[in-house]
Amino acid sequence: LPAVLHPGITLVISPLISLMKDQVTALNQSGIPAAYINSTLSFAQCREALRRAALSAYKVIYVAPERLHTQMFQNFISQANLALIAVDEAHCVSQWGQDFRPSYLEIASFLQGLPHCPPVGAFTATATPKVREDIVRLLKLRSPFILSQGFNRPNLYFEVRSPKKKETELLRLMERWIDKSGIIYCSTRKNVDKVCNLLREKGYAAARYHAGMGEEERHQAQDDFQFDRARVMVATNAFGMGIDKSNVSFVVHYNMPKDLESYYQEAGRAGRDGEKADCILLYAKGDVVMAQYLISHSRERSLDAALNEELEEREKERLKMMTFYSTTSRCLRAFILRYFGEIAQDTCGNCSSCKGIVRLPKAAKESPTSLSADEGFFTALRLLRNQLAMDQKVPAYVVFSDATLRDMVQKEPTDEETFLQVSGVGEEKNKRYRQVFTHLIRLYLAARDQGTITRADASQMAQTTYNTYRSWTDSEIIRLRAERAQGMTVLAMAKAHERPEEAIEDMLHQLGI
């Protein structure tokens, strides 16, 4: 909102190169012009992006911290009309944080070197009180206004299990999450491959992700997960920093992470749509040994010996707290909240300790064909959303989040007035998607009045709607122009192209004819 309201450019400093593209795509789809500058762009592409930025073509520019002091960026920034600078993942500046990055220490000198420094904001989702102090001190923020929204996520259910066989326990859990999307984190590449193969053998659509895979293979796996071609992602902690998928219903940690910051950040990728979600940790004593090994072998060798030793001691302290969490009999949510410096009640009512159980209740068996009215409606909307996302080569949430689709189920919008009342629908998305979604909604409501809806019915309606409003090819547009020039009526063109009249009228309007 500040970026939109202020005149000038908002600069977002972020280490998440893989997330920048998705964020920029989402902004542009919402009518907010944005761009990013990072190592994925060639020299010529960077130069062109900055040239356009200098002409005020963008409201928001994302940049990796390593780019701040390059000559090309310095030339741009010396003349740019900056309204705001936002430092994302600000905990990376602190050696007490779980993601310390030396490049973040250069941000303060960048800010000091600006001819006119605008207001600066620093943002993070996982910072202990000590890390918050470091953010203020190391970024040299002057008397900052500090706001903590709170770490509590009431919709997340927390549980720790200590099974004899993790593979067996995982398969039991997976029976609960039929048709749900989730992430399974493993501490090693070997475990990722083993768990992914196990799930595939049992018929689950699973993808894998770790640093030992080729870049193209990792990109394909991430796309499969984003577009729901793979329901489950099995990954090391290399995955997730670039993910903003809203409909993750469960996160399982197959191995205990090294610290609570990492655990809560990774578990917090569940339930971002506000729906109930499960965060399950499968704990074994061997996980502690593995974590100790990773601590001793995971830091940058370029750091001096004294700093390496200091960082290792801090990581061991965080591992100790993670182990306490994994073995406590007290409220898990209260343990997490207090670790991050918040006051918490002794019980939350939504974790395994408070419920006094060692396993989630089994999910009710669902008919493979018939669906409840609401679930059938949601399924049809979700399938259409996913098709549109694949067509545009963007993550599904960029089109609409699951929360928006569920609001459509409740509101049943069939015209512009009611469609604009749906949560997550603004003017830009109304123009872009109203016709296609209201077409499907009208189809679904008519079918629902006739009786039971099956999965096949929902899928067919989504596919029919998508085919009706599919992207126009160049040859179709040439043909449409010719038909218009010949005086053909909209009705006749609709029949010829096998599309509804409103789709023809919309394209004619876009073409200005």
Protein backbone atom coordinates (compact mmCIF):
# COMPACT_ATOMS: atom_id res chain seq x y z
CA LEU A 1 0.00 0.00 0.00
CA PRO A 2 2.73 2.57 0.75
CA ALA A 3 4.28 1.78 -2.64
CA VAL A 4 0.98 2.48 -4.38
CA LEU A 5 0.09 5.58 -2.37
CA HIS A 6 3.46 7.35 -2.48
CA PRO A 7 4.69 9.11 -5.61
CA GLY A 8 8.00 7.69 -6.74
CA ILE A 9 9.63 4.25 -6.59
CA THR A 10 9.65 1.73 -3.75
CA LEU A 11 12.88 -0.29 -3.62
CA VAL A 12 12.62 -3.76 -2.05
CA ILE A 13 15.94 -5.34 -1.00
CA SER A 14 15.46 -9.12 -0.89
CA PRO A 15 17.72 -12.20 -0.87
CA LEU A 16 14.98 -14.37 -2.38
CA ILE A 17 15.89 -14.34 -6.07
CA SER A 18 13.60 -17.27 -6.84
CA LEU A 19 10.63 -15.45 -5.27
CA MET A 20 11.17 -12.08 -6.98
CA LYS A 21 9.75 -13.22 -10.32
CA ASP A 22 6.54 -14.52 -8.72
CA GLN A 23 6.11 -11.36 -6.64
CA VAL A 24 6.66 -9.13 -9.66
CA THR A 25 4.21 -11.21 -11.72
CA ALA A 26 1.58 -10.96 -8.97
CA LEU A 27 2.01 -7.17 -8.75
CA ASN A 28 1.76 -6.69 -12.49
CA GLN A 29 -1.39 -8.86 -12.60
CA SER A 30 -2.89 -6.57 -9.95
CA GLY A 31 -2.13 -3.49 -12.03
CA ILE A 32 1.00 -2.39 -10.13
CA PRO A 33 3.99 -2.08 -12.51
CA ALA A 34 7.03 -3.83 -11.03
CA ALA A 35 10.44 -5.25 -12.02
CA TYR A 36 13.41 -7.02 -10.45
CA ILE A 37 17.20 -6.71 -10.71
CA ASN A 38 19.21 -9.81 -9.85
CA SER A 39 21.75 -12.29 -11.20
CA THR A 40 19.19 -14.14 -13.34
CA LEU A 41 19.18 -11.17 -15.74
CA SER A 42 21.86 -10.56 -18.36
CA PHE A 43 23.80 -7.29 -18.40
CA ALA A 44 21.63 -6.01 -21.25
CA GLN A 45 18.41 -6.99 -19.43
CA CYS A 46 19.55 -5.21 -16.25
CA ARG A 47 20.42 -2.11 -18.23
CA GLU A 48 17.03 -2.11 -19.98
CA ALA A 49 15.14 -2.62 -16.70
CA LEU A 50 16.99 0.29 -15.08
CA ARG A 51 16.46 2.47 -18.16
CA ARG A 52 12.72 1.89 -17.91
CA ALA A 53 12.83 2.43 -14.15
CA ALA A 54 14.51 5.80 -14.68
CA LEU A 55 11.52 6.74 -16.86
CA SER A 56 9.16 5.93 -13.95
CA ALA A 57 7.84 2.80 -15.64
CA TYR A 58 7.69 0.92 -12.31
CA LYS A 59 6.26 1.55 -8.86
CA VAL A 60 8.17 -1.30 -7.19
CA ILE A 61 11.66 -2.61 -7.93
CA TYR A 62 13.10 -5.71 -6.26
CA VAL A 63 16.87 -5.95 -5.97
CA ALA A 64 19.29 -8.48 -4.47
CA PRO A 65 21.67 -6.96 -1.87
CA GLU A 66 24.71 -7.96 -3.95
CA ARG A 67 23.54 -5.58 -6.70
CA LEU A 68 23.33 -2.45 -4.56
CA HIS A 69 26.95 -1.35 -4.97
CA THR A 70 27.39 -2.18 -8.68
CA GLN A 71 28.21 0.84 -10.82
CA MET A 72 25.16 0.38 -13.04
CA PHE A 73 22.78 0.36 -10.07
CA GLN A 74 24.59 3.25 -8.37
CA ASN A 75 24.20 5.35 -11.53
CA PHE A 76 20.47 4.65 -11.52
CA ILE A 77 19.93 5.21 -7.81
CA SER A 78 21.74 8.56 -7.79
CA GLN A 79 18.94 10.03 -9.94
CA ALA A 80 15.96 7.86 -8.93
CA ASN A 81 12.94 9.31 -7.17
CA LEU A 82 12.80 6.91 -4.21
CA ALA A 83 9.71 7.03 -2.01
CA LEU A 84 10.50 4.08 0.27
CA ILE A 85 13.16 1.40 0.83
CA ALA A 86 11.97 -1.94 2.26
CA VAL A 87 14.50 -4.47 3.55
CA ASP A 88 12.83 -7.89 3.32
CA GLU A 89 14.00 -10.92 5.36
CA ALA A 90 15.75 -8.41 7.60
CA HIS A 91 16.87 -11.12 10.05
CA CYS A 92 19.59 -11.98 7.50
CA VAL A 93 21.57 -9.00 8.82
CA SER A 94 22.10 -10.60 12.24
CA GLN A 95 24.69 -13.20 13.17
CA TRP A 96 22.19 -14.35 15.78
CA GLY A 97 19.70 -15.19 13.04
CA GLN A 98 19.37 -18.54 11.26
CA ASP A 99 20.04 -17.03 7.80
CA PHE A 100 22.96 -14.66 8.38
CA ARG A 101 24.21 -13.25 5.05
CA PRO A 102 27.35 -11.10 4.95
CA SER A 103 25.93 -9.18 1.94
CA TYR A 104 23.25 -7.77 4.26
CA LEU A 105 25.90 -5.94 6.26
CA GLU A 106 26.50 -3.76 3.20
CA ILE A 107 22.95 -2.39 3.22
CA ALA A 108 23.73 0.22 5.89
CA SER A 109 26.58 1.74 3.84
CA PHE A 110 24.30 1.75 0.77
CA LEU A 111 21.67 3.71 2.69
CA GLN A 112 24.25 6.16 4.03
CA GLY A 113 25.60 6.76 0.53
CA LEU A 114 22.26 7.84 -0.92
CA PRO A 115 22.03 11.57 -1.76
CA HIS A 116 18.51 11.66 -0.30
CA CYS A 117 17.54 8.63 1.77
CA PRO A 118 13.76 8.04 1.93
CA PRO A 119 12.01 6.28 4.83
CA VAL A 120 13.40 2.78 5.42
CA GLY A 121 11.39 -0.24 6.59
CA ALA A 122 12.77 -3.61 7.71
CA PHE A 123 10.54 -6.70 7.67
CA THR A 124 10.89 -10.28 8.87
CA ALA A 125 8.64 -13.12 9.98
CA THR A 126 11.12 -14.91 12.27
CA ALA A 127 13.16 -12.73 14.63
CA THR A 128 13.91 -13.25 18.31
CA PRO A 129 14.28 -10.13 20.52
CA LYS A 130 18.08 -10.25 20.05
CA VAL A 131 17.74 -10.35 16.27
CA ARG A 132 15.31 -7.42 16.36
CA GLU A 133 17.88 -5.38 18.28
CA ASP A 134 20.52 -6.26 15.67
CA ILE A 135 18.23 -5.19 12.81
CA VAL A 136 17.83 -1.72 14.32
CA ARG A 137 21.54 -1.39 15.16
CA LEU A 138 23.14 -2.86 12.03
CA LEU A 139 20.81 -1.11 9.57
CA LYS A 140 21.31 2.10 11.58
CA LEU A 141 17.58 2.78 11.81
CA ARG A 142 16.95 6.06 13.65
CA SER A 143 14.23 5.88 16.35
CA PRO A 144 12.18 3.41 14.31
CA PHE A 145 8.50 2.70 14.82
CA ILE A 146 8.43 -1.00 15.76
CA LEU A 147 5.37 -3.15 15.12
CA SER A 148 5.11 -6.85 15.92
CA GLN A 149 2.02 -8.48 14.48
CA GLY A 150 2.60 -11.55 16.62
CA PHE A 151 3.84 -15.03 15.83
CA ASN A 152 0.67 -16.92 16.66
CA ARG A 153 -1.01 -18.67 13.73
CA PRO A 154 -4.22 -20.09 15.25
CA ASN A 155 -5.10 -22.09 12.13
CA LEU A 156 -1.92 -24.19 12.38
CA TYR A 157 -2.03 -27.46 14.34
CA PHE A 158 1.34 -28.52 15.82
CA GLU A 159 2.34 -32.07 16.66
CA VAL A 160 5.55 -33.97 17.45
CA ARG A 161 5.68 -37.73 16.92
CA SER A 162 8.46 -40.19 17.77
CA PRO A 163 7.59 -43.23 15.63
CA LYS A 164 9.55 -46.48 15.49
CA LYS A 165 9.50 -46.32 11.68
CA LYS A 166 9.16 -42.93 10.05
CA GLU A 167 8.21 -44.36 6.67
CA THR A 168 5.22 -46.20 8.14
CA GLU A 169 4.13 -43.16 10.14
CA LEU A 170 4.39 -40.88 7.11
CA LEU A 171 2.18 -43.17 5.04
CA ARG A 172 -0.41 -43.17 7.85
CA LEU A 173 -0.39 -39.39 7.80
CA MET A 174 -0.70 -39.23 4.02
CA GLU A 175 -3.98 -41.20 4.23
CA ARG A 176 -5.44 -38.19 6.04
CA TRP A 177 -4.44 -35.69 3.39
CA ILE A 178 -6.18 -37.11 0.33
CA ASP A 179 -6.29 -34.42 -2.39
CA LYS A 180 -4.35 -31.98 -0.15
CA SER A 181 -1.17 -30.15 -1.10
CA GLY A 182 1.82 -30.29 1.24
CA ILE A 183 5.58 -30.22 1.80
CA ILE A 184 7.78 -32.88 3.44
CA TYR A 185 11.15 -31.56 4.62
CA CYS A 186 14.14 -33.90 4.99
CA SER A 187 17.59 -33.01 6.31
CA THR A 188 19.57 -34.79 3.56
CA ARG A 189 19.36 -35.32 -0.19
CA LYS A 190 19.43 -39.09 0.39
CA ASN A 191 16.31 -38.91 2.55
CA VAL A 192 14.57 -36.68 -0.01
CA ASP A 193 15.14 -39.27 -2.75
CA LYS A 194 14.08 -42.15 -0.46
CA VAL A 195 10.85 -40.49 0.73
CA CYS A 196 9.91 -39.24 -2.74
CA ASN A 197 10.36 -42.73 -4.22
CA LEU A 198 8.30 -44.23 -1.38
CA LEU A 199 5.40 -41.87 -2.03
CA ARG A 200 5.51 -42.42 -5.79
CA GLU A 201 5.46 -46.19 -5.26
CA LYS A 202 2.29 -45.74 -3.18
CA GLY A 203 0.63 -43.75 -5.94
CA TYR A 204 1.12 -40.19 -4.66
CA ALA A 205 1.95 -37.41 -7.13
CA ALA A 206 5.22 -36.32 -5.52
CA ALA A 207 8.09 -34.11 -6.68
CA ARG A 208 11.54 -33.69 -5.12
CA TYR A 209 13.87 -30.74 -4.68
CA HIS A 210 17.45 -30.48 -3.40
CA ALA A 211 20.70 -28.80 -4.35
CA GLY A 212 22.11 -31.98 -5.92
CA MET A 213 19.61 -31.78 -8.79
CA GLY A 214 20.21 -29.85 -11.99
CA GLU A 215 18.75 -26.36 -12.28
CA GLU A 216 16.27 -27.39 -14.98
CA GLU A 217 15.07 -30.38 -12.94
CA ARG A 218 14.61 -28.23 -9.83
CA HIS A 219 12.71 -25.62 -11.84
CA GLN A 220 10.43 -28.31 -13.28
CA ALA A 221 9.75 -29.75 -9.81
CA GLN A 222 8.90 -26.31 -8.45
CA ASP A 223 6.56 -25.65 -11.38
CA ASP A 224 4.85 -29.03 -10.91
CA PHE A 225 4.19 -28.17 -7.27
CA GLN A 226 3.08 -24.60 -7.95
CA PHE A 227 0.63 -25.73 -10.64
CA ASP A 228 -0.66 -28.69 -8.56
CA ARG A 229 0.62 -31.30 -10.99
CA ALA A 230 2.50 -32.66 -7.97
CA ARG A 231 0.51 -32.55 -4.75
CA VAL A 232 3.50 -33.23 -2.50
CA MET A 233 6.95 -31.68 -2.53
CA VAL A 234 9.72 -33.63 -0.78
CA ALA A 235 12.69 -31.35 -0.23
CA THR A 236 15.63 -30.18 1.79
CA ASN A 237 15.63 -26.67 3.24
CA ALA A 238 16.92 -25.52 -0.17
CA PHE A 239 13.25 -25.44 -1.14
CA GLY A 240 10.73 -22.93 0.09
CA MET A 241 12.58 -19.62 0.18
CA GLY A 242 11.02 -18.89 -3.19
CA ILE A 243 7.59 -20.33 -2.56
CA ASP A 244 4.42 -18.38 -1.87
CA LYS A 245 1.86 -21.13 -2.47
CA SER A 246 -1.29 -20.37 -0.53
CA ASN A 247 -2.98 -23.79 -0.46
CA VAL A 248 -0.38 -25.84 1.44
CA SER A 249 -2.47 -27.91 3.88
CA PHE A 250 0.35 -29.75 5.66
CA VAL A 251 4.07 -29.52 6.34
CA VAL A 252 5.85 -32.58 7.67
CA HIS A 253 9.40 -32.43 8.98
CA TYR A 254 10.75 -35.93 8.38
CA ASN A 255 13.85 -34.89 10.29
CA MET A 256 14.23 -32.31 13.06
CA PRO A 257 15.62 -28.97 11.75
CA LYS A 258 18.64 -27.26 13.30
CA ASP A 259 16.69 -24.46 14.98
CA LEU A 260 13.22 -23.19 15.83
CA GLU A 261 13.56 -20.24 13.46
CA SER A 262 13.94 -22.60 10.50
CA TYR A 263 11.24 -24.92 11.78
CA TYR A 264 8.66 -22.18 12.25
CA GLN A 265 9.51 -20.53 8.94
CA GLU A 266 9.13 -23.83 7.08
CA ALA A 267 6.06 -24.99 9.04
CA GLY A 268 4.56 -21.55 8.43
CA ARG A 269 4.35 -22.27 4.72
CA ALA A 270 1.20 -24.20 5.60
CA GLY A 271 -2.16 -22.50 5.91
CA ARG A 272 -1.30 -19.19 4.30
CA ASP A 273 -4.84 -19.04 2.93
CA GLY A 274 -6.18 -18.98 6.49
CA GLU A 275 -7.52 -22.54 6.26
CA LYS A 276 -6.71 -25.15 8.93
CA ALA A 277 -3.38 -26.87 8.32
CA ASP A 278 -1.16 -29.45 10.01
CA CYS A 279 2.50 -29.03 11.02
CA ILE A 280 3.95 -32.39 12.05
CA LEU A 281 7.50 -33.12 13.24
CA LEU A 282 8.75 -36.74 13.16
CA TYR A 283 11.46 -36.79 15.81
CA ALA A 284 14.22 -39.34 16.45
CA LYS A 285 17.37 -39.07 18.56
CA GLY A 286 19.44 -39.60 15.44
CA ASP A 287 18.12 -36.27 14.13
CA VAL A 288 20.18 -34.45 16.78
CA VAL A 289 23.37 -36.15 15.62
CA MET A 290 22.60 -35.27 12.01
CA ALA A 291 21.88 -31.64 12.93
CA GLN A 292 25.18 -31.38 14.81
CA TYR A 293 27.00 -32.67 11.72
CA LEU A 294 25.23 -30.14 9.48
CA ILE A 295 26.14 -27.31 11.86
CA SER A 296 29.82 -28.24 11.65
CA HIS A 297 29.86 -28.47 7.85
CA SER A 298 27.39 -25.92 6.50
CA ARG A 299 28.97 -22.48 6.97
CA GLU A 300 30.88 -20.40 4.46
CA ARG A 301 34.59 -21.22 4.58
CA SER A 302 35.32 -17.64 3.50
CA LEU A 303 34.48 -16.36 6.99
CA ASP A 304 37.43 -15.97 9.40
CA ALA A 305 38.06 -18.68 12.01
CA ALA A 306 36.93 -16.62 15.00
CA LEU A 307 33.62 -15.70 13.37
CA ASN A 308 33.10 -19.32 12.28
CA GLU A 309 33.61 -20.51 15.83
CA GLU A 310 31.22 -17.89 17.21
CA LEU A 311 28.53 -18.76 14.68
CA GLU A 312 28.90 -22.48 15.43
CA GLU A 313 28.38 -21.92 19.16
CA ARG A 314 25.24 -19.89 18.49
CA GLU A 315 23.91 -22.57 16.17
CA LYS A 316 24.49 -25.21 18.85
CA GLU A 317 22.48 -23.13 21.32
CA ARG A 318 19.61 -22.90 18.83
CA LEU A 319 19.82 -26.67 18.25
CA LYS A 320 19.47 -27.22 21.98
CA MET A 321 16.22 -25.21 22.01
CA MET A 322 14.96 -27.13 18.97
CA THR A 323 15.62 -30.41 20.83
CA PHE A 324 13.74 -29.12 23.88
CA TYR A 325 10.75 -28.34 21.64
CA SER A 326 10.87 -31.82 20.12
CA THR A 327 10.80 -33.55 23.52
CA THR A 328 8.59 -31.28 25.65
CA SER A 329 5.28 -32.49 27.04
CA ARG A 330 4.02 -28.91 27.38
CA CYS A 331 2.08 -26.78 24.90
CA LEU A 332 4.02 -26.65 21.63
CA ARG A 333 2.53 -23.33 20.53
CA ALA A 334 3.39 -21.70 23.86
CA PHE A 335 6.99 -22.99 23.52
CA ILE A 336 7.33 -21.38 20.08
CA LEU A 337 5.74 -18.07 21.06
CA ARG A 338 7.88 -17.70 24.18
CA TYR A 339 11.01 -18.49 22.18
CA PHE A 340 10.21 -15.51 19.96
CA GLY A 341 9.66 -13.27 22.97
CA GLU A 342 5.87 -13.32 23.24
CA ILE A 343 3.67 -13.88 26.26
CA ALA A 344 1.68 -17.07 25.80
CA GLN A 345 -0.98 -18.99 27.70
CA ASP A 346 0.02 -22.38 29.07
CA THR A 347 -2.38 -24.19 26.75
CA CYS A 348 -3.59 -23.49 23.21
CA GLY A 349 -6.03 -26.35 22.57
CA ASN A 350 -4.61 -26.91 19.08
CA CYS A 351 -1.43 -28.94 19.49
CA SER A 352 -0.74 -32.59 20.35
CA SER A 353 0.35 -31.75 23.90
CA CYS A 354 -2.82 -29.81 24.71
CA LYS A 355 -5.08 -32.41 23.11
CA GLY A 356 -3.25 -35.22 24.87
CA ILE A 357 -2.96 -37.30 21.73
CA VAL A 358 -0.15 -38.88 19.73
CA ARG A 359 -1.89 -38.99 16.41
CA LEU A 360 -4.36 -36.98 14.37
CA PRO A 361 -7.90 -38.36 14.03
CA LYS A 362 -8.38 -40.34 10.86
CA ALA A 363 -10.03 -38.57 7.99
CA ALA A 364 -13.46 -39.77 6.99
CA LYS A 365 -13.46 -41.95 3.91
CA GLU A 366 -14.70 -40.01 0.95
CA SER A 367 -16.66 -41.29 -2.00
CA PRO A 368 -14.39 -41.34 -5.06
CA THR A 369 -17.08 -39.78 -7.21
CA SER A 370 -19.71 -37.64 -5.46
CA LEU A 371 -18.79 -34.39 -3.75
CA SER A 372 -20.57 -32.11 -1.33
CA ALA A 373 -22.08 -29.05 -2.99
CA ASP A 374 -19.41 -26.69 -1.69
CA GLU A 375 -16.50 -29.04 -2.44
CA GLY A 376 -17.76 -29.68 -5.96
CA PHE A 377 -18.05 -25.94 -6.52
CA PHE A 378 -14.55 -25.32 -5.13
CA THR A 379 -13.07 -28.17 -7.18
CA ALA A 380 -14.47 -26.75 -10.42
CA LEU A 381 -13.14 -23.26 -9.61
CA ARG A 382 -9.73 -24.62 -8.61
CA LEU A 383 -9.34 -26.67 -11.79
CA LEU A 384 -10.23 -23.65 -13.92
CA ARG A 385 -7.83 -21.44 -11.93
CA ASN A 386 -5.02 -23.95 -12.41
CA GLN A 387 -5.62 -24.18 -16.17
CA LEU A 388 -5.52 -20.39 -16.52
CA ALA A 389 -2.32 -20.25 -14.45
CA MET A 390 -0.61 -22.86 -16.64
CA ASP A 391 -1.76 -21.00 -19.75
CA GLN A 392 -0.13 -17.81 -18.44
CA LYS A 393 2.89 -19.64 -16.94
CA VAL A 394 2.31 -18.14 -13.48
CA PRO A 395 1.75 -19.82 -10.07
CA ALA A 396 -1.90 -20.60 -9.35
CA TYR A 397 -2.15 -18.15 -6.43
CA VAL A 398 -1.24 -15.29 -8.79
CA VAL A 399 -4.56 -15.81 -10.54
CA PHE A 400 -6.59 -16.30 -7.34
CA SER A 401 -5.79 -17.77 -3.94
CA ASP A 402 -7.75 -20.69 -2.51
CA ALA A 403 -9.26 -18.25 0.00
CA THR A 404 -10.66 -16.17 -2.89
CA LEU A 405 -12.09 -19.28 -4.55
CA ARG A 406 -13.79 -20.30 -1.29
CA ASP A 407 -15.29 -16.82 -1.02
CA MET A 408 -16.67 -17.30 -4.55
CA VAL A 409 -18.27 -20.52 -3.34
CA GLN A 410 -19.98 -18.58 -0.55
CA LYS A 411 -21.01 -15.52 -2.58
CA GLU A 412 -21.83 -17.26 -5.92
CA PRO A 413 -21.16 -14.13 -8.02
CA THR A 414 -22.65 -14.15 -11.50
CA ASP A 415 -22.24 -10.51 -12.57
CA GLU A 416 -19.74 -7.68 -12.21
CA GLU A 417 -21.33 -6.16 -9.11
CA THR A 418 -21.23 -9.37 -7.09
CA PHE A 419 -17.87 -10.49 -8.50
CA LEU A 420 -16.24 -7.30 -7.22
CA GLN A 421 -17.49 -8.14 -3.72
CA VAL A 422 -15.37 -11.31 -3.60
CA SER A 423 -12.34 -11.06 -1.31
CA GLY A 424 -9.20 -10.81 -3.45
CA VAL A 425 -10.93 -9.36 -6.52
CA GLY A 426 -9.93 -5.82 -7.48
CA GLU A 427 -10.54 -3.76 -10.60
CA GLU A 428 -7.66 -5.35 -12.52
CA LYS A 429 -8.62 -8.95 -11.76
CA ASN A 430 -12.27 -8.14 -12.35
CA LYS A 431 -11.42 -7.03 -15.89
CA ARG A 432 -9.10 -9.97 -16.46
CA TYR A 433 -11.08 -12.87 -15.02
CA ARG A 434 -14.73 -11.92 -14.39
CA GLN A 435 -16.17 -13.32 -17.61
CA VAL A 436 -14.47 -16.70 -17.42
CA PHE A 437 -15.24 -17.32 -13.74
CA THR A 438 -18.83 -16.08 -13.79
CA HIS A 439 -19.41 -18.28 -16.85
CA LEU A 440 -18.28 -21.33 -14.86
CA ILE A 441 -20.29 -20.27 -11.81
CA ARG A 442 -23.47 -20.02 -13.88
CA LEU A 443 -22.78 -23.45 -15.37
CA TYR A 444 -22.21 -24.95 -11.93
CA LEU A 445 -25.30 -23.41 -10.34
CA ALA A 446 -27.47 -24.71 -13.17
CA ALA A 447 -25.97 -28.22 -12.87
CA ARG A 448 -26.28 -28.21 -9.09
CA ASP A 449 -30.00 -27.55 -9.36
CA GLN A 450 -30.29 -30.75 -11.39
CA GLY A 451 -28.79 -33.01 -8.68
CA THR A 452 -25.51 -34.49 -7.39
CA ILE A 453 -22.18 -33.23 -8.75
CA THR A 454 -19.33 -35.69 -9.29
CA ARG A 455 -15.61 -35.00 -9.68
CA ALA A 456 -15.97 -35.78 -13.36
CA ASP A 457 -18.76 -33.20 -13.64
CA ALA A 458 -16.67 -30.52 -11.93
CA SER A 459 -13.68 -31.33 -14.13
CA GLN A 460 -15.79 -31.25 -17.30
CA MET A 461 -17.32 -27.88 -16.47
CA ALA A 462 -13.89 -26.38 -15.73
CA GLN A 463 -12.45 -27.78 -18.97
CA THR A 464 -15.42 -26.59 -21.04
CA THR A 465 -15.16 -23.10 -19.58
CA TYR A 466 -11.40 -22.99 -20.15
CA ASN A 467 -11.79 -24.12 -23.76
CA THR A 468 -14.42 -21.43 -24.26
CA TYR A 469 -12.21 -18.66 -22.91
CA ARG A 470 -8.84 -20.08 -23.91
CA SER A 471 -6.14 -17.71 -25.15
CA TRP A 472 -6.55 -16.43 -28.70
CA THR A 473 -3.96 -17.58 -31.23
CA ASP A 474 -2.50 -15.15 -33.79
CA SER A 475 -4.33 -16.92 -36.63
CA GLU A 476 -7.66 -16.68 -34.78
CA ILE A 477 -7.17 -12.95 -34.23
CA ILE A 478 -6.36 -12.40 -37.94
CA ARG A 479 -9.49 -14.35 -38.83
CA LEU A 480 -11.57 -12.34 -36.35
CA ARG A 481 -10.36 -9.05 -37.85
CA ALA A 482 -11.31 -10.27 -41.33
CA GLU A 483 -14.75 -11.38 -40.17
CA ARG A 484 -15.36 -8.02 -38.52
CA ALA A 485 -14.27 -6.19 -41.68
CA GLN A 486 -16.73 -8.31 -43.68
CA GLY A 487 -19.57 -7.19 -41.38
CA MET A 488 -20.15 -10.57 -39.74
CA THR A 489 -22.36 -10.33 -36.63
CA VAL A 490 -21.09 -11.16 -33.15
CA LEU A 491 -23.50 -14.09 -33.00
CA ALA A 492 -22.15 -15.51 -36.25
CA MET A 493 -18.54 -15.07 -35.12
CA ALA A 494 -19.37 -16.76 -31.79
CA LYS A 495 -20.69 -19.81 -33.65
CA ALA A 496 -17.73 -19.86 -36.05
CA HIS A 497 -15.15 -19.71 -33.23
CA GLU A 498 -17.15 -21.89 -30.82
CA ARG A 499 -16.96 -19.22 -28.13
CA PRO A 500 -19.68 -17.27 -26.27
CA GLU A 501 -20.74 -13.89 -27.60
CA GLU A 502 -19.28 -12.09 -24.58
CA ALA A 503 -15.85 -13.61 -25.32
CA ILE A 504 -16.08 -12.32 -28.93
CA GLU A 505 -17.16 -8.87 -27.75
CA ASP A 506 -14.34 -8.74 -25.21
CA MET A 507 -11.68 -9.55 -27.80
CA LEU A 508 -13.13 -7.07 -30.31
CA HIS A 509 -12.97 -4.43 -27.60
CA GLN A 510 -9.33 -5.32 -26.83
CA LEU A 511 -8.51 -5.03 -30.54
CA GLY A 512 -10.28 -1.69 -30.77
CA ILE A 513 -12.61 -2.87 -33.55
